[in-house]
Amino acid sequence: MTGATNSAAADTGAQRPVTEVAVGVLVKPDGRYLLAQRPAGKPYEGYWEFPGGKLEAGESVEAALARELHEELGIEVTACHRWHTLEHDYPHAYVRLYFCKVTEWQGEPHGREGQAFVWQTLPADVSPLLPATIPVLEWLAAE
């Protein structure tokens, strides 16, 4: 039964188009990390997540992340590395999330799209959290 369930879950993802997303886990030297609130009009409006966005055709994960963080937060990424990849099946999209740990940037983050953001320590004290954000907090806690 478990094998059939796993296979069915895999088939569901395979039948839906995969949206590839670069996600930035901005971490300050003191361990605080940045969460942004999803803006009005988007799926999961008001939920907290790590910032980022969709890859454009032919764009690398790192290039997409740099572009998205500049557009959303007005910063220039100067040091990041791919950290974890996670697939999640949301009702509105099947996503492959490339989480990159961002450890250096130029500029002070500010919500260029009107979104709220906060610097957090573990455990997070904002809610609700976007479902795919929860494993990232677990990864941060395990370090």
N, C-alpha and C. Protein backbone atom coordinates (compact mmCIF):
# COMPACT_ATOMS: atom_id res chain seq x y z
N MET A 1 0.82 -1.19 0.00
CA MET A 1 0.00 0.00 0.00
C MET A 1 0.87 1.26 0.00
N THR A 2 1.93 1.27 0.81
CA THR A 2 2.80 2.44 0.86
C THR A 2 3.43 2.69 -0.51
N GLY A 3 3.87 1.65 -1.18
CA GLY A 3 4.46 1.81 -2.50
C GLY A 3 3.49 2.44 -3.48
N ALA A 4 2.22 2.04 -3.43
CA ALA A 4 1.21 2.60 -4.33
C ALA A 4 1.00 4.08 -4.02
N THR A 5 0.98 4.41 -2.74
CA THR A 5 0.78 5.81 -2.36
C THR A 5 1.93 6.66 -2.85
N ASN A 6 3.18 6.17 -2.64
CA ASN A 6 4.34 6.93 -3.11
C ASN A 6 4.31 7.07 -4.62
N SER A 7 3.96 5.99 -5.31
CA SER A 7 3.91 6.03 -6.76
C SER A 7 2.84 7.01 -7.23
N ALA A 8 1.69 7.00 -6.57
CA ALA A 8 0.61 7.92 -6.95
C ALA A 8 1.05 9.36 -6.73
N ALA A 9 1.76 9.60 -5.63
CA ALA A 9 2.24 10.96 -5.36
C ALA A 9 3.24 11.38 -6.44
N ALA A 10 4.12 10.46 -6.82
CA ALA A 10 5.10 10.77 -7.85
C ALA A 10 4.41 11.02 -9.19
N ASP A 11 3.37 10.21 -9.48
CA ASP A 11 2.64 10.39 -10.73
C ASP A 11 1.95 11.75 -10.77
N THR A 12 1.40 12.18 -9.64
CA THR A 12 0.72 13.48 -9.59
C THR A 12 1.70 14.58 -9.98
N GLY A 13 2.90 14.55 -9.40
CA GLY A 13 3.90 15.56 -9.73
C GLY A 13 4.34 15.48 -11.17
N ALA A 14 4.47 14.26 -11.69
CA ALA A 14 4.94 14.08 -13.06
C ALA A 14 3.92 14.57 -14.06
N GLN A 15 2.64 14.50 -13.73
CA GLN A 15 1.59 14.91 -14.66
C GLN A 15 1.42 16.42 -14.69
N ARG A 16 1.84 17.11 -13.67
CA ARG A 16 1.70 18.56 -13.61
C ARG A 16 3.01 19.21 -14.04
N PRO A 17 2.94 20.37 -14.67
CA PRO A 17 4.19 21.05 -15.01
C PRO A 17 4.93 21.44 -13.73
N VAL A 18 6.25 21.39 -13.80
CA VAL A 18 7.08 21.74 -12.64
C VAL A 18 7.49 23.20 -12.76
N THR A 19 7.19 23.97 -11.75
CA THR A 19 7.62 25.37 -11.70
C THR A 19 8.91 25.40 -10.88
N GLU A 20 9.99 25.86 -11.50
CA GLU A 20 11.28 25.91 -10.80
C GLU A 20 11.45 27.28 -10.16
N VAL A 21 11.84 27.26 -8.89
CA VAL A 21 11.90 28.49 -8.10
C VAL A 21 13.22 28.56 -7.35
N ALA A 22 13.87 29.73 -7.43
CA ALA A 22 15.08 30.00 -6.65
C ALA A 22 14.65 30.70 -5.36
N VAL A 23 15.14 30.21 -4.23
CA VAL A 23 14.73 30.75 -2.93
C VAL A 23 15.96 31.13 -2.13
N GLY A 24 15.94 32.33 -1.56
CA GLY A 24 17.06 32.81 -0.78
C GLY A 24 16.83 32.69 0.71
N VAL A 25 17.75 32.02 1.38
CA VAL A 25 17.73 31.94 2.84
C VAL A 25 18.82 32.89 3.30
N LEU A 26 18.44 34.16 3.52
CA LEU A 26 19.39 35.18 3.96
C LEU A 26 19.69 34.96 5.43
N VAL A 27 20.97 34.77 5.75
CA VAL A 27 21.38 34.50 7.12
C VAL A 27 22.45 35.51 7.52
N LYS A 28 22.19 36.20 8.62
CA LYS A 28 23.17 37.15 9.17
C LYS A 28 24.19 36.38 10.01
N PRO A 29 25.37 36.98 10.26
CA PRO A 29 26.39 36.30 11.06
C PRO A 29 25.89 35.87 12.45
N ASP A 30 24.91 36.59 13.01
CA ASP A 30 24.39 36.21 14.33
C ASP A 30 23.33 35.10 14.26
N GLY A 31 23.07 34.58 13.04
CA GLY A 31 22.15 33.46 12.88
C GLY A 31 20.72 33.86 12.54
N ARG A 32 20.40 35.14 12.60
CA ARG A 32 19.04 35.54 12.23
C ARG A 32 18.84 35.36 10.73
N TYR A 33 17.62 34.99 10.36
CA TYR A 33 17.28 34.75 8.96
C TYR A 33 16.05 35.59 8.61
N LEU A 34 15.91 35.88 7.32
CA LEU A 34 14.84 36.76 6.86
C LEU A 34 13.66 35.97 6.31
N LEU A 35 12.46 36.33 6.77
CA LEU A 35 11.22 35.81 6.21
C LEU A 35 10.42 36.99 5.65
N ALA A 36 9.76 36.76 4.51
CA ALA A 36 8.93 37.78 3.88
C ALA A 36 7.49 37.30 3.85
N GLN A 37 6.57 38.24 3.89
CA GLN A 37 5.16 37.90 3.85
C GLN A 37 4.64 38.01 2.42
N ARG A 38 3.90 36.99 2.00
CA ARG A 38 3.38 36.98 0.62
C ARG A 38 2.36 38.11 0.46
N PRO A 39 2.49 38.86 -0.65
CA PRO A 39 1.61 40.02 -0.83
C PRO A 39 0.18 39.66 -1.21
N ALA A 40 -0.69 40.65 -1.09
CA ALA A 40 -2.09 40.50 -1.47
C ALA A 40 -2.20 40.11 -2.94
N GLY A 41 -3.18 39.25 -3.22
CA GLY A 41 -3.43 38.86 -4.60
C GLY A 41 -2.67 37.64 -5.07
N LYS A 42 -1.74 37.12 -4.25
CA LYS A 42 -0.98 35.93 -4.62
C LYS A 42 -1.52 34.73 -3.83
N PRO A 43 -1.34 33.52 -4.38
CA PRO A 43 -1.73 32.34 -3.59
C PRO A 43 -1.04 32.38 -2.23
N TYR A 44 -1.73 31.93 -1.20
CA TYR A 44 -1.22 31.92 0.17
C TYR A 44 -0.91 33.34 0.65
N GLU A 45 -1.74 34.28 0.25
CA GLU A 45 -1.60 35.68 0.68
C GLU A 45 -1.45 35.76 2.20
N GLY A 46 -0.46 36.53 2.66
CA GLY A 46 -0.25 36.72 4.09
C GLY A 46 0.62 35.68 4.76
N TYR A 47 0.93 34.59 4.07
CA TYR A 47 1.80 33.56 4.64
C TYR A 47 3.25 34.05 4.60
N TRP A 48 4.06 33.55 5.52
CA TRP A 48 5.48 33.91 5.60
C TRP A 48 6.31 32.87 4.89
N GLU A 49 7.34 33.33 4.17
CA GLU A 49 8.18 32.46 3.37
C GLU A 49 9.57 33.05 3.25
N PHE A 50 10.48 32.28 2.69
CA PHE A 50 11.78 32.80 2.30
C PHE A 50 11.61 33.44 0.93
N PRO A 51 12.24 34.58 0.66
CA PRO A 51 12.02 35.29 -0.60
C PRO A 51 12.67 34.59 -1.79
N GLY A 52 12.12 34.85 -2.97
CA GLY A 52 12.67 34.30 -4.20
C GLY A 52 11.62 34.34 -5.28
N GLY A 53 11.85 33.58 -6.35
CA GLY A 53 10.88 33.57 -7.43
C GLY A 53 11.26 32.60 -8.53
N LYS A 54 10.41 32.56 -9.54
CA LYS A 54 10.54 31.61 -10.64
C LYS A 54 11.77 31.88 -11.49
N LEU A 55 12.36 30.78 -11.97
CA LEU A 55 13.44 30.88 -12.94
C LEU A 55 12.84 31.22 -14.30
N GLU A 56 13.51 32.10 -15.03
CA GLU A 56 13.12 32.40 -16.39
C GLU A 56 13.86 31.45 -17.32
N ALA A 57 13.38 31.30 -18.55
CA ALA A 57 13.99 30.38 -19.52
C ALA A 57 15.48 30.67 -19.67
N GLY A 58 16.29 29.62 -19.54
CA GLY A 58 17.73 29.73 -19.71
C GLY A 58 18.47 30.35 -18.54
N GLU A 59 17.78 30.66 -17.47
CA GLU A 59 18.39 31.34 -16.32
C GLU A 59 18.88 30.31 -15.30
N SER A 60 20.06 30.54 -14.74
CA SER A 60 20.56 29.65 -13.68
C SER A 60 19.84 29.99 -12.38
N VAL A 61 19.92 29.06 -11.44
CA VAL A 61 19.33 29.29 -10.12
C VAL A 61 19.93 30.54 -9.49
N GLU A 62 21.24 30.66 -9.55
CA GLU A 62 21.93 31.78 -8.92
C GLU A 62 21.54 33.11 -9.57
N ALA A 63 21.43 33.13 -10.91
CA ALA A 63 21.04 34.36 -11.60
C ALA A 63 19.60 34.74 -11.26
N ALA A 64 18.71 33.74 -11.22
CA ALA A 64 17.31 34.00 -10.87
C ALA A 64 17.21 34.54 -9.45
N LEU A 65 17.98 33.95 -8.54
CA LEU A 65 17.94 34.40 -7.15
C LEU A 65 18.44 35.84 -7.03
N ALA A 66 19.54 36.15 -7.68
CA ALA A 66 20.07 37.52 -7.63
C ALA A 66 19.05 38.51 -8.19
N ARG A 67 18.42 38.16 -9.31
CA ARG A 67 17.41 39.03 -9.92
C ARG A 67 16.22 39.22 -8.98
N GLU A 68 15.69 38.13 -8.45
CA GLU A 68 14.51 38.19 -7.59
C GLU A 68 14.79 38.97 -6.30
N LEU A 69 15.94 38.73 -5.68
CA LEU A 69 16.23 39.44 -4.43
C LEU A 69 16.45 40.93 -4.67
N HIS A 70 16.97 41.27 -5.84
CA HIS A 70 17.09 42.69 -6.19
C HIS A 70 15.71 43.31 -6.39
N GLU A 71 14.85 42.59 -7.15
CA GLU A 71 13.50 43.10 -7.42
C GLU A 71 12.67 43.21 -6.14
N GLU A 72 12.74 42.20 -5.26
CA GLU A 72 11.89 42.15 -4.08
C GLU A 72 12.44 42.97 -2.91
N LEU A 73 13.77 42.90 -2.70
CA LEU A 73 14.36 43.48 -1.49
C LEU A 73 15.38 44.58 -1.75
N GLY A 74 15.72 44.82 -3.01
CA GLY A 74 16.66 45.88 -3.34
C GLY A 74 18.10 45.61 -2.93
N ILE A 75 18.48 44.34 -2.84
CA ILE A 75 19.85 44.00 -2.45
C ILE A 75 20.59 43.36 -3.61
N GLU A 76 21.92 43.40 -3.52
CA GLU A 76 22.79 42.73 -4.48
C GLU A 76 23.47 41.57 -3.76
N VAL A 77 23.21 40.35 -4.21
CA VAL A 77 23.80 39.17 -3.60
C VAL A 77 25.28 39.11 -3.95
N THR A 78 26.14 38.95 -2.94
CA THR A 78 27.58 38.84 -3.19
C THR A 78 28.15 37.47 -2.78
N ALA A 79 27.42 36.71 -1.98
CA ALA A 79 27.86 35.35 -1.62
C ALA A 79 26.65 34.47 -1.31
N CYS A 80 26.53 33.39 -2.10
CA CYS A 80 25.46 32.42 -1.84
C CYS A 80 25.91 31.06 -2.37
N HIS A 81 25.29 30.02 -1.86
CA HIS A 81 25.54 28.68 -2.39
C HIS A 81 24.25 27.87 -2.31
N ARG A 82 24.11 26.97 -3.29
CA ARG A 82 22.95 26.07 -3.25
C ARG A 82 23.05 25.23 -2.00
N TRP A 83 21.91 25.03 -1.37
CA TRP A 83 21.89 24.38 -0.07
C TRP A 83 21.04 23.12 -0.08
N HIS A 84 19.76 23.23 -0.41
CA HIS A 84 18.84 22.09 -0.46
C HIS A 84 17.88 22.29 -1.62
N THR A 85 17.35 21.17 -2.14
CA THR A 85 16.30 21.21 -3.15
C THR A 85 15.12 20.43 -2.60
N LEU A 86 13.93 20.98 -2.79
CA LEU A 86 12.72 20.38 -2.25
C LEU A 86 11.62 20.52 -3.29
N GLU A 87 10.83 19.47 -3.48
CA GLU A 87 9.66 19.57 -4.34
C GLU A 87 8.43 19.57 -3.45
N HIS A 88 7.46 20.41 -3.82
CA HIS A 88 6.22 20.51 -3.03
C HIS A 88 5.05 20.66 -3.97
N ASP A 89 3.98 19.93 -3.66
CA ASP A 89 2.78 19.94 -4.49
C ASP A 89 1.72 20.82 -3.82
N TYR A 90 1.68 22.09 -4.23
CA TYR A 90 0.66 23.01 -3.76
C TYR A 90 -0.58 22.85 -4.64
N PRO A 91 -1.75 23.24 -4.15
CA PRO A 91 -2.95 23.15 -5.00
C PRO A 91 -2.83 23.96 -6.29
N HIS A 92 -2.12 25.09 -6.26
CA HIS A 92 -2.02 25.96 -7.44
C HIS A 92 -0.81 25.65 -8.32
N ALA A 93 0.18 24.88 -7.80
CA ALA A 93 1.38 24.62 -8.60
C ALA A 93 2.23 23.52 -7.96
N TYR A 94 2.89 22.76 -8.81
CA TYR A 94 3.89 21.79 -8.36
C TYR A 94 5.23 22.48 -8.52
N VAL A 95 5.95 22.69 -7.40
CA VAL A 95 7.18 23.48 -7.46
C VAL A 95 8.41 22.67 -7.07
N ARG A 96 9.51 23.01 -7.73
CA ARG A 96 10.83 22.51 -7.35
C ARG A 96 11.56 23.74 -6.83
N LEU A 97 11.87 23.70 -5.54
CA LEU A 97 12.46 24.85 -4.85
C LEU A 97 13.94 24.62 -4.64
N TYR A 98 14.74 25.53 -5.16
CA TYR A 98 16.19 25.49 -4.99
C TYR A 98 16.54 26.49 -3.89
N PHE A 99 16.76 25.99 -2.69
CA PHE A 99 17.09 26.86 -1.56
C PHE A 99 18.58 27.15 -1.58
N CYS A 100 18.91 28.43 -1.58
CA CYS A 100 20.29 28.88 -1.57
C CYS A 100 20.52 29.66 -0.28
N LYS A 101 21.60 29.34 0.40
CA LYS A 101 21.94 30.10 1.59
C LYS A 101 22.71 31.34 1.13
N VAL A 102 22.19 32.50 1.49
CA VAL A 102 22.80 33.78 1.13
C VAL A 102 23.45 34.34 2.39
N THR A 103 24.77 34.49 2.34
CA THR A 103 25.50 34.91 3.54
C THR A 103 26.09 36.32 3.42
N GLU A 104 26.13 36.86 2.21
CA GLU A 104 26.63 38.22 2.03
C GLU A 104 25.82 38.92 0.94
N TRP A 105 25.55 40.20 1.18
CA TRP A 105 24.84 41.02 0.21
C TRP A 105 25.17 42.47 0.46
N GLN A 106 24.91 43.28 -0.56
CA GLN A 106 25.10 44.72 -0.44
C GLN A 106 23.74 45.38 -0.39
N GLY A 107 23.61 46.39 0.46
CA GLY A 107 22.35 47.10 0.62
C GLY A 107 21.58 46.55 1.80
N GLU A 108 20.64 47.35 2.27
CA GLU A 108 19.78 46.94 3.38
C GLU A 108 18.45 46.48 2.80
N PRO A 109 18.02 45.25 3.09
CA PRO A 109 16.76 44.77 2.53
C PRO A 109 15.59 45.69 2.88
N HIS A 110 14.76 45.94 1.88
CA HIS A 110 13.52 46.68 2.10
C HIS A 110 12.47 46.14 1.12
N GLY A 111 11.22 46.13 1.53
CA GLY A 111 10.14 45.56 0.73
C GLY A 111 9.78 46.42 -0.46
N ARG A 112 10.40 46.14 -1.61
CA ARG A 112 10.18 46.95 -2.81
C ARG A 112 8.81 46.70 -3.44
N GLU A 113 8.15 45.61 -3.05
CA GLU A 113 6.82 45.30 -3.59
C GLU A 113 5.75 45.49 -2.52
N GLY A 114 6.10 46.23 -1.47
CA GLY A 114 5.15 46.51 -0.40
C GLY A 114 4.98 45.37 0.60
N GLN A 115 5.78 44.33 0.47
CA GLN A 115 5.66 43.17 1.36
C GLN A 115 6.38 43.44 2.69
N ALA A 116 5.82 42.87 3.74
CA ALA A 116 6.47 42.94 5.05
C ALA A 116 7.56 41.88 5.10
N PHE A 117 8.58 42.13 5.91
CA PHE A 117 9.58 41.10 6.17
C PHE A 117 10.11 41.29 7.59
N VAL A 118 10.65 40.21 8.14
CA VAL A 118 11.17 40.24 9.51
C VAL A 118 12.43 39.38 9.59
N TRP A 119 13.32 39.78 10.48
CA TRP A 119 14.47 38.95 10.83
C TRP A 119 14.05 38.09 12.01
N GLN A 120 14.30 36.79 11.91
CA GLN A 120 13.85 35.83 12.91
C GLN A 120 15.00 35.04 13.49
N THR A 121 14.76 34.47 14.66
CA THR A 121 15.64 33.45 15.22
C THR A 121 14.76 32.21 15.41
N LEU A 122 15.39 31.07 15.57
CA LEU A 122 14.62 29.84 15.76
C LEU A 122 14.12 29.78 17.20
N PRO A 123 12.91 29.33 17.41
CA PRO A 123 11.89 29.01 16.41
C PRO A 123 11.23 30.29 15.88
N ALA A 124 10.67 30.20 14.69
CA ALA A 124 10.02 31.36 14.08
C ALA A 124 8.83 31.78 14.94
N ASP A 125 8.63 33.09 15.07
CA ASP A 125 7.50 33.54 15.87
C ASP A 125 6.47 34.31 15.03
N VAL A 126 6.47 34.06 13.70
CA VAL A 126 5.42 34.59 12.83
C VAL A 126 4.62 33.42 12.27
N SER A 127 3.39 33.70 11.92
CA SER A 127 2.55 32.67 11.31
C SER A 127 1.45 33.36 10.51
N PRO A 128 0.86 32.64 9.57
CA PRO A 128 1.16 31.26 9.21
C PRO A 128 2.40 31.17 8.32
N LEU A 129 3.06 30.02 8.38
CA LEU A 129 4.23 29.76 7.54
C LEU A 129 3.79 28.99 6.29
N LEU A 130 4.34 29.36 5.15
CA LEU A 130 4.09 28.62 3.92
C LEU A 130 4.57 27.19 4.14
N PRO A 131 3.80 26.17 3.74
CA PRO A 131 4.18 24.78 4.04
C PRO A 131 5.62 24.41 3.69
N ALA A 132 6.12 24.83 2.54
CA ALA A 132 7.49 24.46 2.14
C ALA A 132 8.55 25.22 2.93
N THR A 133 8.16 26.16 3.77
CA THR A 133 9.10 26.89 4.61
C THR A 133 9.48 26.07 5.84
N ILE A 134 8.58 25.25 6.32
CA ILE A 134 8.79 24.50 7.56
C ILE A 134 10.02 23.60 7.52
N PRO A 135 10.25 22.81 6.44
CA PRO A 135 11.46 21.98 6.41
C PRO A 135 12.74 22.82 6.48
N VAL A 136 12.73 24.02 5.90
CA VAL A 136 13.92 24.87 5.92
C VAL A 136 14.27 25.26 7.35
N LEU A 137 13.27 25.56 8.14
CA LEU A 137 13.52 25.89 9.55
C LEU A 137 14.12 24.69 10.28
N GLU A 138 13.68 23.50 9.92
CA GLU A 138 14.24 22.28 10.50
C GLU A 138 15.70 22.11 10.09
N TRP A 139 16.03 22.42 8.82
CA TRP A 139 17.41 22.34 8.36
C TRP A 139 18.29 23.34 9.09
N LEU A 140 17.77 24.56 9.28
CA LEU A 140 18.53 25.57 10.01
C LEU A 140 18.78 25.14 11.45
N ALA A 141 17.78 24.54 12.07
CA ALA A 141 17.89 24.10 13.47
C ALA A 141 18.91 22.97 13.61
N ALA A 142 19.07 22.15 12.56
CA ALA A 142 19.96 21.00 12.61
C ALA A 142 21.43 21.39 12.44
N GLU A 143 21.68 22.62 12.03
CA GLU A 143 23.07 23.04 11.80
C GLU A 143 23.78 23.40 13.09
